Amino acid sequence: MNNFLSLGTVAFAVSFLVGTANASDSNQAMKACLHINGYNVEQFDTFDWSKAAACHSAYRLGTQQQQLAELRNFLKHNPRYRYPGQSNNRCFGKPREQAFESVSGTAGTWGYDITVKYKDKMPQPCYETGPWDNRDAD
């Protein structure tokens, strides 16, 4: 039982150290905002947290605007991703050709007579597979 507890304690300590070693960019930005505004532990009760929060909010807003600009640029060059189920459609946005030349129908005594004239040869469908991201293709 003691071995199990000591093993659990070691596992917790390792996971804690690994988790704190990989601090996110947002956490680093918050630390920088606290440092810029002169925070120290002795001022915890009297520190003006709104200044640090405003600084961090500006950081997050800037990050979100960068991500949104990147997404808009991607969608501008890859419009097929705007529509559900079209991301793998190789023929998206290209004219499609029908397999027949003409269709005619007449009403007869016992129903309809439909005539379809098919083409002798069909052009090749969209065999080119576009890249995942078309921004480099321009």
C-alpha atoms as a PDB file:
ATOM      1  CA  MET A   1       0.000   0.000   0.000  1.00  0.00           C
ATOM      2  CA  ASN A   2       2.853   2.378   0.826  1.00  0.00           C
ATOM      3  CA  ASN A   3       4.464   1.669  -2.543  1.00  0.00           C
ATOM      4  CA  PHE A   4       1.185   2.500  -4.287  1.00  0.00           C
ATOM      5  CA  LEU A   5       0.880   5.831  -2.431  1.00  0.00           C
ATOM      6  CA  SER A   6       4.487   6.791  -3.110  1.00  0.00           C
ATOM      7  CA  LEU A   7       4.063   5.875  -6.791  1.00  0.00           C
ATOM      8  CA  GLY A   8       0.902   8.023  -6.969  1.00  0.00           C
ATOM      9  CA  THR A   9       2.700  10.912  -5.286  1.00  0.00           C
ATOM     10  CA  VAL A  10       5.588  10.682  -7.758  1.00  0.00           C
ATOM     11  CA  ALA A  11       3.172  10.550 -10.713  1.00  0.00           C
ATOM     12  CA  PHE A  12       1.324  13.610  -9.428  1.00  0.00           C
ATOM     13  CA  ALA A  13       4.549  15.538  -8.911  1.00  0.00           C
ATOM     14  CA  VAL A  14       5.826  14.691 -12.401  1.00  0.00           C
ATOM     15  CA  SER A  15       2.515  15.675 -14.030  1.00  0.00           C
ATOM     16  CA  PHE A  16       2.480  18.929 -12.041  1.00  0.00           C
ATOM     17  CA  LEU A  17       6.023  19.806 -13.096  1.00  0.00           C
ATOM     18  CA  VAL A  18       5.388  18.952 -16.748  1.00  0.00           C
ATOM     19  CA  GLY A  19       2.121  20.907 -16.731  1.00  0.00           C
ATOM     20  CA  THR A  20       3.727  24.012 -15.279  1.00  0.00           C
ATOM     21  CA  ALA A  21       6.723  23.775 -17.611  1.00  0.00           C
ATOM     22  CA  ASN A  22       4.443  24.133 -20.644  1.00  0.00           C
ATOM     23  CA  ALA A  23       2.821  27.454 -19.783  1.00  0.00           C
ATOM     24  CA  SER A  24       0.584  28.828 -22.505  1.00  0.00           C
ATOM     25  CA  ASP A  25       1.212  32.063 -24.366  1.00  0.00           C
ATOM     26  CA  SER A  26      -1.839  33.549 -22.670  1.00  0.00           C
ATOM     27  CA  ASN A  27      -0.374  32.836 -19.232  1.00  0.00           C
ATOM     28  CA  GLN A  28       2.945  34.356 -20.259  1.00  0.00           C
ATOM     29  CA  ALA A  29       1.125  37.457 -21.518  1.00  0.00           C
ATOM     30  CA  MET A  30      -0.729  37.762 -18.204  1.00  0.00           C
ATOM     31  CA  LYS A  31       2.536  37.511 -16.302  1.00  0.00           C
ATOM     32  CA  ALA A  32       3.972  40.258 -18.511  1.00  0.00           C
ATOM     33  CA  CYS A  33       0.897  42.431 -17.902  1.00  0.00           C
ATOM     34  CA  LEU A  34       1.272  41.970 -14.143  1.00  0.00           C
ATOM     35  CA  HIS A  35       4.957  42.852 -14.357  1.00  0.00           C
ATOM     36  CA  ILE A  36       4.265  45.952 -16.494  1.00  0.00           C
ATOM     37  CA  ASN A  37       1.721  47.212 -13.964  1.00  0.00           C
ATOM     38  CA  GLY A  38       4.106  46.671 -11.037  1.00  0.00           C
ATOM     39  CA  TYR A  39       2.462  43.732  -9.281  1.00  0.00           C
ATOM     40  CA  ASN A  40       4.143  41.996  -6.371  1.00  0.00           C
ATOM     41  CA  VAL A  41       2.813  39.586  -3.756  1.00  0.00           C
ATOM     42  CA  GLU A  42       2.725  42.188  -0.979  1.00  0.00           C
ATOM     43  CA  GLN A  43       0.208  44.262  -3.002  1.00  0.00           C
ATOM     44  CA  PHE A  44      -2.253  41.429  -3.537  1.00  0.00           C
ATOM     45  CA  ASP A  45      -5.120  43.103  -1.618  1.00  0.00           C
ATOM     46  CA  THR A  46      -4.465  46.645  -2.859  1.00  0.00           C
ATOM     47  CA  PHE A  47      -3.345  45.989  -6.441  1.00  0.00           C
ATOM     48  CA  ASP A  48      -5.488  47.479  -9.259  1.00  0.00           C
ATOM     49  CA  TRP A  49      -6.378  44.271 -11.097  1.00  0.00           C
ATOM     50  CA  SER A  50      -8.392  46.114 -13.753  1.00  0.00           C
ATOM     51  CA  LYS A  51      -5.202  47.490 -15.363  1.00  0.00           C
ATOM     52  CA  ALA A  52      -3.698  44.023 -15.694  1.00  0.00           C
ATOM     53  CA  ALA A  53      -7.027  42.663 -16.946  1.00  0.00           C
ATOM     54  CA  ALA A  54      -7.263  45.407 -19.589  1.00  0.00           C
ATOM     55  CA  CYS A  55      -3.715  44.677 -20.723  1.00  0.00           C
ATOM     56  CA  HIS A  56      -4.444  40.944 -21.027  1.00  0.00           C
ATOM     57  CA  SER A  57      -7.750  41.614 -22.771  1.00  0.00           C
ATOM     58  CA  ALA A  58      -5.915  43.683 -25.397  1.00  0.00           C
ATOM     59  CA  TYR A  59      -3.514  40.765 -25.909  1.00  0.00           C
ATOM     60  CA  ARG A  60      -6.382  38.275 -26.335  1.00  0.00           C
ATOM     61  CA  LEU A  61      -8.239  40.603 -28.713  1.00  0.00           C
ATOM     62  CA  GLY A  62      -5.130  40.996 -30.858  1.00  0.00           C
ATOM     63  CA  THR A  63      -4.616  37.232 -30.961  1.00  0.00           C
ATOM     64  CA  GLN A  64      -8.242  36.633 -31.938  1.00  0.00           C
ATOM     65  CA  GLN A  65      -8.053  39.270 -34.683  1.00  0.00           C
ATOM     66  CA  GLN A  66      -4.943  37.588 -36.110  1.00  0.00           C
ATOM     67  CA  GLN A  67      -6.674  34.197 -36.132  1.00  0.00           C
ATOM     68  CA  LEU A  68      -9.775  35.677 -37.773  1.00  0.00           C
ATOM     69  CA  ALA A  69      -7.691  37.407 -40.461  1.00  0.00           C
ATOM     70  CA  GLU A  70      -5.934  34.094 -41.175  1.00  0.00           C
ATOM     71  CA  LEU A  71      -9.278  32.279 -41.427  1.00  0.00           C
ATOM     72  CA  ARG A  72     -10.715  34.939 -43.759  1.00  0.00           C
ATOM     73  CA  ASN A  73      -7.657  34.704 -45.995  1.00  0.00           C
ATOM     74  CA  PHE A  74      -7.923  30.906 -46.074  1.00  0.00           C
ATOM     75  CA  LEU A  75     -11.647  30.990 -46.959  1.00  0.00           C
ATOM     76  CA  LYS A  76     -11.052  33.634 -49.632  1.00  0.00           C
ATOM     77  CA  HIS A  77      -8.698  31.283 -51.456  1.00  0.00           C
ATOM     78  CA  ASN A  78     -10.601  28.074 -50.593  1.00  0.00           C
ATOM     79  CA  PRO A  79     -14.321  28.845 -50.950  1.00  0.00           C
ATOM     80  CA  ARG A  80     -15.312  25.169 -50.966  1.00  0.00           C
ATOM     81  CA  TYR A  81     -14.745  25.082 -47.199  1.00  0.00           C
ATOM     82  CA  ARG A  82     -17.634  27.528 -46.716  1.00  0.00           C
ATOM     83  CA  TYR A  83     -20.184  24.869 -47.680  1.00  0.00           C
ATOM     84  CA  PRO A  84     -20.808  21.686 -45.682  1.00  0.00           C
ATOM     85  CA  GLY A  85     -19.590  18.544 -47.422  1.00  0.00           C
ATOM     86  CA  GLN A  86     -17.744  20.333 -50.234  1.00  0.00           C
ATOM     87  CA  SER A  87     -14.207  20.341 -48.856  1.00  0.00           C
ATOM     88  CA  ASN A  88     -13.310  17.159 -50.786  1.00  0.00           C
ATOM     89  CA  ASN A  89     -15.314  18.040 -53.911  1.00  0.00           C
ATOM     90  CA  ARG A  90     -12.689  18.291 -56.635  1.00  0.00           C
ATOM     91  CA  CYS A  91     -15.190  19.756 -59.106  1.00  0.00           C
ATOM     92  CA  PHE A  92     -16.404  22.533 -56.795  1.00  0.00           C
ATOM     93  CA  GLY A  93     -16.985  25.751 -58.719  1.00  0.00           C
ATOM     94  CA  LYS A  94     -16.211  24.203 -62.108  1.00  0.00           C
ATOM     95  CA  PRO A  95     -18.818  23.884 -64.861  1.00  0.00           C
ATOM     96  CA  ARG A  96     -20.329  20.439 -65.113  1.00  0.00           C
ATOM     97  CA  GLU A  97     -21.241  18.772 -68.345  1.00  0.00           C
ATOM     98  CA  GLN A  98     -24.243  16.494 -68.708  1.00  0.00           C
ATOM     99  CA  ALA A  99     -23.953  12.993 -70.172  1.00  0.00           C
ATOM    100  CA  PHE A 100     -26.736  13.574 -72.700  1.00  0.00           C
ATOM    101  CA  GLU A 101     -27.285  15.928 -75.631  1.00  0.00           C
ATOM    102  CA  SER A 102     -31.046  16.254 -75.562  1.00  0.00           C
ATOM    103  CA  VAL A 103     -34.151  14.919 -73.892  1.00  0.00           C
ATOM    104  CA  SER A 104     -37.620  14.948 -75.381  1.00  0.00           C
ATOM    105  CA  GLY A 105     -40.917  13.559 -74.244  1.00  0.00           C
ATOM    106  CA  THR A 106     -44.387  13.120 -75.661  1.00  0.00           C
ATOM    107  CA  ALA A 107     -47.603  12.094 -74.027  1.00  0.00           C
ATOM    108  CA  GLY A 108     -48.981   8.911 -75.544  1.00  0.00           C
ATOM    109  CA  THR A 109     -52.160   6.934 -75.047  1.00  0.00           C
ATOM    110  CA  TRP A 110     -50.629   4.673 -72.416  1.00  0.00           C
ATOM    111  CA  GLY A 111     -48.231   7.140 -70.789  1.00  0.00           C
ATOM    112  CA  TYR A 112     -45.190   9.136 -71.758  1.00  0.00           C
ATOM    113  CA  ASP A 113     -42.586   8.357 -74.394  1.00  0.00           C
ATOM    114  CA  ILE A 114     -39.238   9.753 -73.318  1.00  0.00           C
ATOM    115  CA  THR A 115     -36.278   9.944 -75.698  1.00  0.00           C
ATOM    116  CA  VAL A 116     -32.758  10.652 -74.435  1.00  0.00           C
ATOM    117  CA  LYS A 117     -29.808  11.185 -76.798  1.00  0.00           C
ATOM    118  CA  TYR A 118     -26.529  10.472 -75.036  1.00  0.00           C
ATOM    119  CA  LYS A 119     -23.144  11.850 -76.083  1.00  0.00           C
ATOM    120  CA  ASP A 120     -20.686   9.546 -77.834  1.00  0.00           C
ATOM    121  CA  LYS A 121     -17.794  10.604 -75.610  1.00  0.00           C
ATOM    122  CA  MET A 122     -17.775  12.228 -72.229  1.00  0.00           C
ATOM    123  CA  PRO A 123     -15.017  14.649 -71.320  1.00  0.00           C
ATOM    124  CA  GLN A 124     -12.889  13.654 -68.392  1.00  0.00           C
ATOM    125  CA  PRO A 125     -14.384  14.703 -65.069  1.00  0.00           C
ATOM    126  CA  CYS A 126     -12.375  16.745 -62.602  1.00  0.00           C
ATOM    127  CA  TYR A 127      -9.384  14.479 -62.050  1.00  0.00           C
ATOM    128  CA  GLU A 128      -7.077  17.181 -60.735  1.00  0.00           C
ATOM    129  CA  THR A 129      -7.083  17.151 -56.994  1.00  0.00           C
ATOM    130  CA  GLY A 130      -6.594  20.625 -55.692  1.00  0.00           C
ATOM    131  CA  PRO A 131      -4.281  21.205 -52.782  1.00  0.00           C
ATOM    132  CA  TRP A 132      -5.729  21.506 -49.306  1.00  0.00           C
ATOM    133  CA  ASP A 133      -4.793  25.174 -49.210  1.00  0.00           C
ATOM    134  CA  ASN A 134      -4.945  27.181 -52.438  1.00  0.00           C
ATOM    135  CA  ARG A 135      -3.253  30.315 -51.116  1.00  0.00           C
ATOM    136  CA  ASP A 136       0.092  29.292 -52.628  1.00  0.00           C
ATOM    137  CA  ALA A 137      -1.506  28.469 -56.014  1.00  0.00           C
ATOM    138  CA  ASP A 138      -2.122  32.122 -56.950  1.00  0.00           C
END
